[in-house]
Amino acid sequence: MELDEIVALADAVAPLEGIASGVGAMSYGAQIVVEAGSSDEAVDLAIPLFADAVATAAIPEWPITKAEVIGEDEGYYDDVDGGMVG
């Protein structure tokens, strides 16, 4: 993925308090914030939001291969350092 593609994805997920990753990779990803009552509900809410962000960014629409839920008490993933923060 090229820098401009990931920047477009980052712009698309920004309203969701999101971050994007994938520069120089053969894939892309994002972390977004959703309010939900359960992990299953969070995934159900997040997947269409992510798909909309991908469409907005006009990057290839590939199948989603992984979705993870991190509770607010668990911190969040820091993509810069590759570790958990919080």
Protein backbone atom coordinates (compact mmCIF):
# COMPACT_ATOMS: atom_id res chain seq x y z
CA MET A 1 0.00 0.00 0.00
CA GLU A 2 1.20 3.47 -0.88
CA LEU A 3 1.44 6.33 1.59
CA ASP A 4 -1.36 8.31 -0.09
CA GLU A 5 -3.71 5.31 0.14
CA ILE A 6 -3.13 4.87 3.88
CA VAL A 7 -3.43 8.63 4.44
CA ALA A 8 -6.80 8.50 2.66
CA LEU A 9 -7.88 5.63 4.93
CA ALA A 10 -6.63 7.52 7.99
CA ASP A 11 -8.69 10.54 6.91
CA ALA A 12 -11.74 8.28 6.46
CA VAL A 13 -11.45 6.71 9.92
CA ALA A 14 -10.52 9.94 11.72
CA PRO A 15 -14.18 10.78 12.53
CA LEU A 16 -14.32 7.38 14.27
CA GLU A 17 -11.33 8.28 16.46
CA GLY A 18 -9.42 5.90 14.23
CA ILE A 19 -5.93 5.24 13.01
CA ALA A 20 -4.81 3.44 9.86
CA SER A 21 -1.78 1.32 9.03
CA GLY A 22 -0.28 -0.48 6.07
CA VAL A 23 2.23 1.79 4.32
CA GLY A 24 4.54 -0.45 2.31
CA ALA A 25 2.53 -3.57 3.12
CA MET A 26 0.35 -5.80 0.96
CA SER A 27 -2.60 -5.07 3.25
CA TYR A 28 -4.12 -2.30 5.33
CA GLY A 29 -5.86 -2.01 8.63
CA ALA A 30 -7.50 0.44 10.96
CA GLN A 31 -8.45 0.80 14.55
CA ILE A 32 -11.73 2.59 15.23
CA VAL A 33 -13.77 3.39 18.31
CA VAL A 34 -17.36 2.18 18.67
CA GLU A 35 -19.71 2.19 21.64
CA ALA A 36 -21.31 -1.22 22.16
CA GLY A 37 -22.80 -3.39 24.85
CA SER A 38 -20.79 -6.48 23.95
CA SER A 39 -17.83 -7.62 21.88
CA ASP A 40 -20.12 -9.18 19.28
CA GLU A 41 -22.10 -5.96 18.98
CA ALA A 42 -18.87 -3.95 18.64
CA VAL A 43 -17.74 -6.10 15.71
CA ASP A 44 -21.20 -5.92 14.11
CA LEU A 45 -21.06 -2.12 14.33
CA ALA A 46 -17.42 -1.74 13.31
CA ILE A 47 -17.36 -3.86 10.15
CA PRO A 48 -19.76 -1.69 8.11
CA LEU A 49 -18.06 1.47 9.42
CA PHE A 50 -14.71 0.11 8.27
CA ALA A 51 -16.15 -0.90 4.89
CA ASP A 52 -17.55 2.62 4.45
CA ALA A 53 -14.15 4.10 5.32
CA VAL A 54 -12.44 1.87 2.76
CA ALA A 55 -14.95 2.97 0.10
CA THR A 56 -14.46 6.62 1.06
CA ALA A 57 -10.69 6.21 0.80
CA ALA A 58 -11.12 4.62 -2.65
CA ILE A 59 -8.66 1.84 -1.86
CA PRO A 60 -9.08 -1.82 -2.85
CA GLU A 61 -12.02 -3.47 -1.08
CA TRP A 62 -10.51 -6.71 0.16
CA PRO A 63 -12.20 -9.20 2.52
CA ILE A 64 -11.84 -8.47 6.22
CA THR A 65 -9.64 -11.18 7.69
CA LYS A 66 -9.47 -10.12 11.32
CA ALA A 67 -11.54 -8.09 13.77
CA GLU A 68 -10.50 -7.61 17.38
CA VAL A 69 -12.24 -5.94 20.28
CA ILE A 70 -10.32 -4.08 22.94
CA GLY A 71 -12.33 -2.87 25.92
CA GLU A 72 -11.67 0.65 27.12
CA ASP A 73 -10.16 -0.77 30.31
CA GLU A 74 -7.62 -2.74 28.25
CA GLY A 75 -5.91 0.23 26.60
CA TYR A 76 -5.31 0.58 22.89
CA TYR A 77 -2.73 -0.52 20.35
CA ASP A 78 0.05 1.95 19.64
CA ASP A 79 0.96 1.27 16.00
CA VAL A 80 4.03 3.51 16.17
CA ASP A 81 5.79 1.49 18.87
CA GLY A 82 3.99 -1.77 18.19
CA GLY A 83 2.75 -2.16 21.76
CA MET A 84 -0.16 -1.65 24.06
CA VAL A 85 -0.76 1.71 25.72
CA GLY A 86 -2.99 2.39 28.65
